[in-house]
N, C-alpha and C. Protein backbone atom coordinates (compact mmCIF):
# COMPACT_ATOMS: atom_id res chain seq x y z
N MET A 1 42.26 17.21 25.89
CA MET A 1 41.63 16.09 26.56
C MET A 1 42.55 14.88 26.43
N SER A 2 42.86 14.27 27.53
CA SER A 2 43.72 13.09 27.51
C SER A 2 42.88 11.85 27.23
N SER A 3 43.58 10.75 26.90
CA SER A 3 42.83 9.52 26.63
C SER A 3 42.08 9.05 27.87
N ALA A 4 42.52 9.50 29.05
CA ALA A 4 41.83 9.11 30.28
C ALA A 4 40.45 9.76 30.36
N THR A 5 40.27 10.88 29.67
CA THR A 5 38.97 11.56 29.72
C THR A 5 38.16 11.37 28.44
N MET A 6 38.71 10.68 27.45
CA MET A 6 37.96 10.40 26.23
C MET A 6 37.05 9.20 26.45
N SER A 7 35.96 9.19 25.72
CA SER A 7 35.08 8.02 25.76
C SER A 7 35.80 6.83 25.14
N SER A 8 35.35 5.64 25.44
CA SER A 8 36.00 4.46 24.87
C SER A 8 35.86 4.44 23.35
N ALA A 9 34.75 4.98 22.83
CA ALA A 9 34.59 5.05 21.38
C ALA A 9 35.61 6.00 20.76
N ALA A 10 35.86 7.13 21.43
CA ALA A 10 36.85 8.09 20.92
C ALA A 10 38.25 7.50 20.99
N VAL A 11 38.56 6.80 22.06
CA VAL A 11 39.88 6.16 22.19
C VAL A 11 40.06 5.12 21.08
N SER A 12 39.03 4.33 20.81
CA SER A 12 39.10 3.34 19.74
C SER A 12 39.30 4.02 18.38
N LYS A 13 38.59 5.11 18.17
CA LYS A 13 38.71 5.85 16.91
C LYS A 13 40.13 6.41 16.75
N VAL A 14 40.67 6.98 17.82
CA VAL A 14 42.02 7.54 17.78
C VAL A 14 43.04 6.43 17.55
N ASN A 15 42.91 5.32 18.25
CA ASN A 15 43.85 4.21 18.08
C ASN A 15 43.83 3.67 16.65
N ALA A 16 42.65 3.55 16.07
CA ALA A 16 42.55 3.08 14.69
C ALA A 16 43.22 4.07 13.74
N ALA A 17 43.04 5.36 13.98
CA ALA A 17 43.67 6.37 13.13
C ALA A 17 45.19 6.37 13.29
N VAL A 18 45.68 6.15 14.50
CA VAL A 18 47.13 6.06 14.71
C VAL A 18 47.69 4.89 13.91
N ARG A 19 47.04 3.74 13.98
CA ARG A 19 47.51 2.58 13.22
C ARG A 19 47.48 2.85 11.71
N ASP A 20 46.38 3.45 11.24
CA ASP A 20 46.24 3.75 9.82
C ASP A 20 47.32 4.74 9.37
N CYS A 21 47.54 5.77 10.15
CA CYS A 21 48.54 6.76 9.80
C CYS A 21 49.94 6.15 9.80
N LEU A 22 50.24 5.33 10.80
CA LEU A 22 51.55 4.67 10.83
C LEU A 22 51.75 3.77 9.62
N ASP A 23 50.69 3.10 9.19
CA ASP A 23 50.78 2.27 7.98
C ASP A 23 51.18 3.10 6.76
N GLN A 24 50.76 4.36 6.75
CA GLN A 24 51.13 5.24 5.65
C GLN A 24 52.51 5.86 5.86
N CYS A 25 52.88 6.11 7.11
CA CYS A 25 54.15 6.76 7.42
C CYS A 25 55.35 5.82 7.26
N TYR A 26 55.20 4.55 7.64
CA TYR A 26 56.33 3.61 7.61
C TYR A 26 57.01 3.56 6.25
N PRO A 27 56.29 3.36 5.15
CA PRO A 27 56.98 3.25 3.86
C PRO A 27 57.36 4.60 3.24
N SER A 28 56.91 5.68 3.84
CA SER A 28 57.14 7.00 3.25
C SER A 28 58.57 7.48 3.48
N PRO A 29 59.18 8.08 2.46
CA PRO A 29 60.51 8.66 2.66
C PRO A 29 60.44 9.92 3.52
N GLN A 30 59.25 10.49 3.68
CA GLN A 30 59.05 11.68 4.50
C GLN A 30 57.87 11.45 5.44
N PRO A 31 58.10 10.68 6.51
CA PRO A 31 56.98 10.32 7.38
C PRO A 31 56.30 11.51 8.05
N LEU A 32 57.04 12.56 8.36
CA LEU A 32 56.39 13.71 9.01
C LEU A 32 55.50 14.47 8.04
N ALA A 33 55.88 14.52 6.78
CA ALA A 33 55.01 15.13 5.77
C ALA A 33 53.76 14.29 5.57
N THR A 34 53.93 12.98 5.62
CA THR A 34 52.80 12.06 5.50
C THR A 34 51.85 12.26 6.68
N LEU A 35 52.43 12.39 7.88
CA LEU A 35 51.62 12.65 9.08
C LEU A 35 50.86 13.96 8.93
N ALA A 36 51.53 15.01 8.47
CA ALA A 36 50.88 16.31 8.32
C ALA A 36 49.69 16.21 7.35
N ALA A 37 49.88 15.53 6.24
CA ALA A 37 48.80 15.37 5.27
C ALA A 37 47.64 14.58 5.89
N TYR A 38 47.96 13.57 6.67
CA TYR A 38 46.93 12.75 7.32
C TYR A 38 46.12 13.60 8.30
N LEU A 39 46.81 14.44 9.07
CA LEU A 39 46.12 15.28 10.05
C LEU A 39 45.23 16.31 9.37
N ILE A 40 45.67 16.82 8.22
CA ILE A 40 44.84 17.76 7.47
C ILE A 40 43.56 17.08 7.01
N LYS A 41 43.69 15.82 6.54
CA LYS A 41 42.50 15.08 6.12
C LYS A 41 41.54 14.87 7.29
N LEU A 42 42.10 14.52 8.46
CA LEU A 42 41.23 14.33 9.63
C LEU A 42 40.51 15.62 9.99
N SER A 43 41.23 16.73 9.94
CA SER A 43 40.64 18.01 10.35
C SER A 43 39.51 18.45 9.41
N SER A 44 39.49 17.91 8.21
CA SER A 44 38.41 18.27 7.28
C SER A 44 37.17 17.42 7.49
N LYS A 45 37.27 16.42 8.35
CA LYS A 45 36.11 15.56 8.63
C LYS A 45 35.35 16.09 9.84
N PRO A 46 34.04 16.30 9.69
CA PRO A 46 33.26 16.90 10.78
C PRO A 46 33.16 16.04 12.04
N ASP A 47 33.38 14.75 11.92
CA ASP A 47 33.25 13.88 13.10
C ASP A 47 34.54 13.79 13.92
N TRP A 48 35.57 14.55 13.54
CA TRP A 48 36.83 14.55 14.28
C TRP A 48 36.97 15.86 15.05
N LYS A 49 37.14 15.74 16.39
CA LYS A 49 37.36 16.89 17.25
C LYS A 49 38.86 17.17 17.31
N GLN A 50 39.21 18.42 17.59
CA GLN A 50 40.62 18.81 17.62
C GLN A 50 41.41 18.01 18.66
N ASP A 51 40.82 17.71 19.81
CA ASP A 51 41.56 16.95 20.82
C ASP A 51 41.84 15.52 20.35
N GLU A 52 40.95 14.96 19.53
CA GLU A 52 41.18 13.63 18.97
C GLU A 52 42.30 13.67 17.93
N ILE A 53 42.30 14.71 17.11
CA ILE A 53 43.35 14.87 16.11
C ILE A 53 44.70 15.06 16.80
N ASP A 54 44.70 15.85 17.87
CA ASP A 54 45.93 16.05 18.64
C ASP A 54 46.43 14.73 19.23
N ALA A 55 45.51 13.89 19.67
CA ALA A 55 45.89 12.59 20.23
C ALA A 55 46.47 11.68 19.15
N VAL A 56 45.91 11.74 17.94
CA VAL A 56 46.47 10.96 16.82
C VAL A 56 47.89 11.43 16.54
N GLU A 57 48.06 12.74 16.46
CA GLU A 57 49.39 13.29 16.18
C GLU A 57 50.40 12.86 17.25
N ALA A 58 50.02 12.97 18.51
CA ALA A 58 50.93 12.60 19.59
C ALA A 58 51.29 11.12 19.54
N GLY A 59 50.30 10.28 19.26
CA GLY A 59 50.56 8.84 19.20
C GLY A 59 51.48 8.47 18.06
N VAL A 60 51.26 9.07 16.90
CA VAL A 60 52.10 8.76 15.73
C VAL A 60 53.51 9.28 15.95
N VAL A 61 53.65 10.50 16.43
CA VAL A 61 54.98 11.05 16.67
C VAL A 61 55.73 10.20 17.69
N ARG A 62 55.05 9.78 18.73
CA ARG A 62 55.68 8.93 19.76
C ARG A 62 56.18 7.62 19.15
N MET A 63 55.37 6.99 18.33
CA MET A 63 55.78 5.72 17.72
C MET A 63 56.90 5.92 16.71
N LEU A 64 56.84 6.97 15.92
CA LEU A 64 57.91 7.24 14.96
C LEU A 64 59.23 7.49 15.69
N ALA A 65 59.17 8.18 16.81
CA ALA A 65 60.37 8.44 17.59
C ALA A 65 60.96 7.14 18.15
N VAL A 66 60.09 6.27 18.64
CA VAL A 66 60.55 4.99 19.18
C VAL A 66 61.20 4.15 18.09
N LEU A 67 60.59 4.14 16.93
CA LEU A 67 61.10 3.30 15.85
C LEU A 67 62.31 3.90 15.14
N SER A 68 62.51 5.20 15.25
CA SER A 68 63.63 5.81 14.56
C SER A 68 64.89 5.89 15.42
N SER A 69 64.75 5.66 16.73
CA SER A 69 65.92 5.71 17.59
C SER A 69 66.25 4.29 18.05
N PRO A 70 67.55 3.97 18.06
CA PRO A 70 67.93 2.63 18.49
C PRO A 70 67.60 2.44 19.97
N SER A 71 67.11 1.26 20.29
CA SER A 71 66.80 0.98 21.69
C SER A 71 68.09 0.65 22.43
N ASP A 72 68.10 0.84 23.71
CA ASP A 72 69.28 0.56 24.52
C ASP A 72 69.67 -0.90 24.44
N SER A 73 68.67 -1.76 24.35
CA SER A 73 68.95 -3.19 24.35
C SER A 73 69.18 -3.74 22.94
N GLY A 74 68.84 -2.94 21.94
CA GLY A 74 68.95 -3.42 20.57
C GLY A 74 67.78 -4.30 20.18
N ILE A 75 66.79 -4.40 21.05
CA ILE A 75 65.63 -5.25 20.79
C ILE A 75 64.41 -4.36 20.60
N ILE A 76 63.71 -4.56 19.51
CA ILE A 76 62.46 -3.85 19.27
C ILE A 76 61.34 -4.82 19.62
N PRO A 77 60.39 -4.39 20.46
CA PRO A 77 59.29 -5.29 20.82
C PRO A 77 58.62 -5.87 19.59
N ALA A 78 58.34 -7.15 19.65
CA ALA A 78 57.77 -7.88 18.50
C ALA A 78 56.48 -7.26 18.01
N GLY A 79 55.68 -6.73 18.89
CA GLY A 79 54.42 -6.12 18.49
C GLY A 79 54.60 -4.93 17.57
N LEU A 80 55.75 -4.25 17.66
CA LEU A 80 55.99 -3.12 16.79
C LEU A 80 56.37 -3.57 15.39
N LEU A 81 57.00 -4.73 15.30
CA LEU A 81 57.39 -5.24 14.00
C LEU A 81 56.27 -6.03 13.35
N ASN A 82 55.47 -6.68 14.17
CA ASN A 82 54.40 -7.53 13.67
C ASN A 82 53.14 -7.19 14.45
N PRO A 83 52.44 -6.09 14.06
CA PRO A 83 51.29 -5.62 14.85
C PRO A 83 50.17 -6.63 15.03
N SER A 84 50.13 -7.67 14.20
CA SER A 84 49.07 -8.65 14.34
C SER A 84 49.26 -9.50 15.59
N GLY A 85 50.47 -9.42 16.17
CA GLY A 85 50.73 -10.17 17.39
C GLY A 85 51.22 -11.57 17.15
N GLY A 86 51.16 -12.02 15.91
CA GLY A 86 51.62 -13.36 15.58
C GLY A 86 53.12 -13.38 15.35
N GLN A 87 53.64 -14.55 15.12
CA GLN A 87 55.07 -14.68 14.87
C GLN A 87 55.38 -14.34 13.42
N SER A 88 56.51 -13.72 13.20
CA SER A 88 56.94 -13.43 11.84
C SER A 88 57.37 -14.72 11.19
N SER A 89 57.15 -14.80 9.87
CA SER A 89 57.57 -16.04 9.20
C SER A 89 58.85 -15.83 8.46
């Protein structure tokens, strides 16, 4: 199920889990192992459907790939560095 067919509540739940997982993956020396452990925890929760877990995995992998490869312009969007949207101090 794509995010286009998920309910808005499911999309919100997936987005929150992606952010939470990324918060754990960023400082980890092994972000993919951290992701795997996170997905196992989600799969043990009865309120998580497999398509939602798959969407979390895809979102985290996509963001990790973006952040681990240099951008063509050398500029990383500010929102990725400062998710609150505010200016860095």
